[in-house]
Amino acid sequence: MGSPAAYRAYMGSHKINLLDERHMTAEINQHPGWDWSVWNNSADPDVVSGIRPSSFQPVY
């Protein structure tokens, strides 16, 4: 929290490069998302660790 003057001072000291911002956004959007299946109660530790393949294919 702070005053409008404090926010302007902060923004003035942290310049935003729009090209870098767009690049970061594009990288984030390429990620298919989190695979929450490993948190399922029936998750097989051998499958999660990669020891055995799984028949389950996550849908993104």
N, C-alpha and C. Protein backbone atom coordinates (compact mmCIF):
# COMPACT_ATOMS: atom_id res chain seq x y z
N MET A 1 0.84 -1.17 0.00
CA MET A 1 0.00 0.00 0.00
C MET A 1 0.89 1.24 0.00
N GLY A 2 0.40 2.24 -0.60
CA GLY A 2 1.16 3.48 -0.64
C GLY A 2 0.35 4.55 -1.34
N SER A 3 0.91 5.71 -1.38
CA SER A 3 0.23 6.84 -2.01
C SER A 3 0.44 6.80 -3.52
N PRO A 4 -0.35 7.58 -4.26
CA PRO A 4 -0.13 7.67 -5.70
C PRO A 4 1.29 8.14 -6.04
N ALA A 5 1.86 9.02 -5.23
CA ALA A 5 3.22 9.49 -5.47
C ALA A 5 4.22 8.34 -5.29
N ALA A 6 4.00 7.50 -4.29
CA ALA A 6 4.88 6.36 -4.06
C ALA A 6 4.79 5.37 -5.22
N TYR A 7 3.59 5.17 -5.74
CA TYR A 7 3.41 4.27 -6.88
C TYR A 7 4.14 4.82 -8.11
N ARG A 8 4.00 6.11 -8.37
CA ARG A 8 4.70 6.73 -9.50
C ARG A 8 6.20 6.61 -9.34
N ALA A 9 6.72 6.77 -8.14
CA ALA A 9 8.15 6.63 -7.88
C ALA A 9 8.59 5.19 -8.14
N TYR A 10 7.79 4.23 -7.69
CA TYR A 10 8.09 2.82 -7.93
C TYR A 10 8.11 2.51 -9.42
N MET A 11 7.07 2.93 -10.12
CA MET A 11 6.99 2.66 -11.56
C MET A 11 8.11 3.37 -12.31
N GLY A 12 8.52 4.52 -11.84
CA GLY A 12 9.62 5.24 -12.48
C GLY A 12 10.95 4.53 -12.31
N SER A 13 11.10 3.78 -11.24
CA SER A 13 12.36 3.07 -11.01
C SER A 13 12.34 1.65 -11.57
N HIS A 14 11.20 1.19 -12.05
CA HIS A 14 11.06 -0.15 -12.62
C HIS A 14 10.46 -0.04 -14.01
N LYS A 15 11.29 0.34 -14.95
CA LYS A 15 10.83 0.51 -16.33
C LYS A 15 10.41 -0.84 -16.90
N ILE A 16 9.31 -0.83 -17.63
CA ILE A 16 8.78 -2.03 -18.24
C ILE A 16 9.10 -2.00 -19.73
N ASN A 17 9.79 -3.05 -20.20
CA ASN A 17 10.08 -3.19 -21.61
C ASN A 17 8.93 -4.00 -22.22
N LEU A 18 8.12 -3.38 -23.07
CA LEU A 18 6.95 -4.06 -23.61
C LEU A 18 7.31 -5.28 -24.45
N LEU A 19 8.45 -5.25 -25.12
CA LEU A 19 8.87 -6.41 -25.90
C LEU A 19 9.17 -7.59 -24.97
N ASP A 20 9.87 -7.33 -23.87
CA ASP A 20 10.13 -8.38 -22.89
C ASP A 20 8.84 -8.90 -22.28
N GLU A 21 7.92 -8.00 -22.02
CA GLU A 21 6.62 -8.38 -21.44
C GLU A 21 5.85 -9.30 -22.40
N ARG A 22 5.85 -8.96 -23.68
CA ARG A 22 5.16 -9.79 -24.68
C ARG A 22 5.84 -11.15 -24.82
N HIS A 23 7.17 -11.16 -24.78
CA HIS A 23 7.92 -12.41 -24.88
C HIS A 23 7.58 -13.32 -23.70
N MET A 24 7.56 -12.77 -22.50
CA MET A 24 7.24 -13.54 -21.31
C MET A 24 5.80 -14.08 -21.38
N THR A 25 4.88 -13.26 -21.85
CA THR A 25 3.49 -13.69 -21.98
C THR A 25 3.38 -14.83 -22.98
N ALA A 26 4.10 -14.75 -24.09
CA ALA A 26 4.07 -15.81 -25.10
C ALA A 26 4.61 -17.11 -24.52
N GLU A 27 5.69 -17.04 -23.75
CA GLU A 27 6.24 -18.24 -23.13
C GLU A 27 5.26 -18.87 -22.15
N ILE A 28 4.61 -18.04 -21.36
CA ILE A 28 3.63 -18.54 -20.40
C ILE A 28 2.47 -19.22 -21.13
N ASN A 29 2.02 -18.62 -22.22
CA ASN A 29 0.88 -19.18 -22.97
C ASN A 29 1.23 -20.47 -23.70
N GLN A 30 2.52 -20.75 -23.93
CA GLN A 30 2.92 -21.99 -24.58
C GLN A 30 2.88 -23.17 -23.62
N HIS A 31 2.94 -22.90 -22.32
CA HIS A 31 2.91 -23.98 -21.34
C HIS A 31 1.53 -24.61 -21.34
N PRO A 32 1.45 -25.95 -21.45
CA PRO A 32 0.14 -26.58 -21.54
C PRO A 32 -0.66 -26.55 -20.24
N GLY A 33 -0.06 -26.18 -19.16
CA GLY A 33 -0.78 -26.16 -17.89
C GLY A 33 -0.22 -27.19 -16.94
N TRP A 34 -0.71 -27.19 -15.76
CA TRP A 34 -0.23 -28.12 -14.75
C TRP A 34 -0.94 -29.46 -14.88
N ASP A 35 -0.20 -30.52 -14.67
CA ASP A 35 -0.78 -31.86 -14.66
C ASP A 35 -1.07 -32.23 -13.21
N TRP A 36 -2.31 -32.02 -12.80
CA TRP A 36 -2.69 -32.26 -11.40
C TRP A 36 -2.99 -33.72 -11.13
N SER A 37 -2.87 -34.60 -12.14
CA SER A 37 -3.20 -36.00 -11.94
C SER A 37 -2.31 -36.67 -10.89
N VAL A 38 -1.09 -36.17 -10.70
CA VAL A 38 -0.21 -36.77 -9.70
C VAL A 38 -0.71 -36.54 -8.28
N TRP A 39 -1.64 -35.62 -8.09
CA TRP A 39 -2.18 -35.34 -6.77
C TRP A 39 -3.43 -36.17 -6.48
N ASN A 40 -3.83 -36.99 -7.44
CA ASN A 40 -4.99 -37.86 -7.27
C ASN A 40 -4.67 -38.91 -6.22
N ASN A 41 -5.66 -39.28 -5.42
CA ASN A 41 -5.46 -40.30 -4.38
C ASN A 41 -5.00 -41.62 -4.95
N SER A 42 -5.37 -41.92 -6.20
CA SER A 42 -4.99 -43.19 -6.80
C SER A 42 -3.71 -43.09 -7.62
N ALA A 43 -2.97 -41.99 -7.52
CA ALA A 43 -1.73 -41.84 -8.29
C ALA A 43 -0.73 -42.91 -7.89
N ASP A 44 -0.15 -43.55 -8.90
CA ASP A 44 0.83 -44.61 -8.68
C ASP A 44 2.22 -43.99 -8.60
N PRO A 45 2.93 -44.14 -7.46
CA PRO A 45 4.25 -43.51 -7.32
C PRO A 45 5.24 -43.93 -8.40
N ASP A 46 5.17 -45.17 -8.89
CA ASP A 46 6.08 -45.61 -9.95
C ASP A 46 5.80 -44.89 -11.26
N VAL A 47 4.54 -44.62 -11.54
CA VAL A 47 4.19 -43.90 -12.75
C VAL A 47 4.59 -42.44 -12.62
N VAL A 48 4.32 -41.85 -11.46
CA VAL A 48 4.66 -40.44 -11.23
C VAL A 48 6.17 -40.22 -11.36
N SER A 49 6.97 -41.13 -10.84
CA SER A 49 8.43 -40.98 -10.89
C SER A 49 9.01 -41.38 -12.23
N GLY A 50 8.19 -41.95 -13.13
CA GLY A 50 8.66 -42.30 -14.46
C GLY A 50 9.22 -43.70 -14.56
N ILE A 51 9.10 -44.49 -13.52
CA ILE A 51 9.61 -45.86 -13.55
C ILE A 51 8.77 -46.72 -14.50
N ARG A 52 7.47 -46.53 -14.46
CA ARG A 52 6.55 -47.27 -15.30
C ARG A 52 5.69 -46.30 -16.10
N PRO A 53 5.39 -46.61 -17.35
CA PRO A 53 4.51 -45.74 -18.13
C PRO A 53 3.07 -45.84 -17.63
N SER A 54 2.31 -44.84 -17.93
CA SER A 54 0.91 -44.79 -17.50
C SER A 54 -0.01 -44.91 -18.70
N SER A 55 -1.17 -45.48 -18.49
CA SER A 55 -2.17 -45.50 -19.55
C SER A 55 -2.98 -44.21 -19.56
N PHE A 56 -2.85 -43.43 -18.46
CA PHE A 56 -3.58 -42.17 -18.34
C PHE A 56 -2.88 -41.10 -19.15
N GLN A 57 -3.60 -40.43 -20.00
CA GLN A 57 -3.06 -39.31 -20.77
C GLN A 57 -3.84 -38.06 -20.40
N PRO A 58 -3.19 -37.09 -19.76
CA PRO A 58 -3.91 -35.87 -19.38
C PRO A 58 -4.40 -35.10 -20.61
N VAL A 59 -5.55 -34.50 -20.48
CA VAL A 59 -6.14 -33.71 -21.56
C VAL A 59 -5.96 -32.26 -21.21
N TYR A 60 -5.33 -31.51 -22.10
CA TYR A 60 -5.10 -30.07 -21.85
C TYR A 60 -6.04 -29.26 -22.66
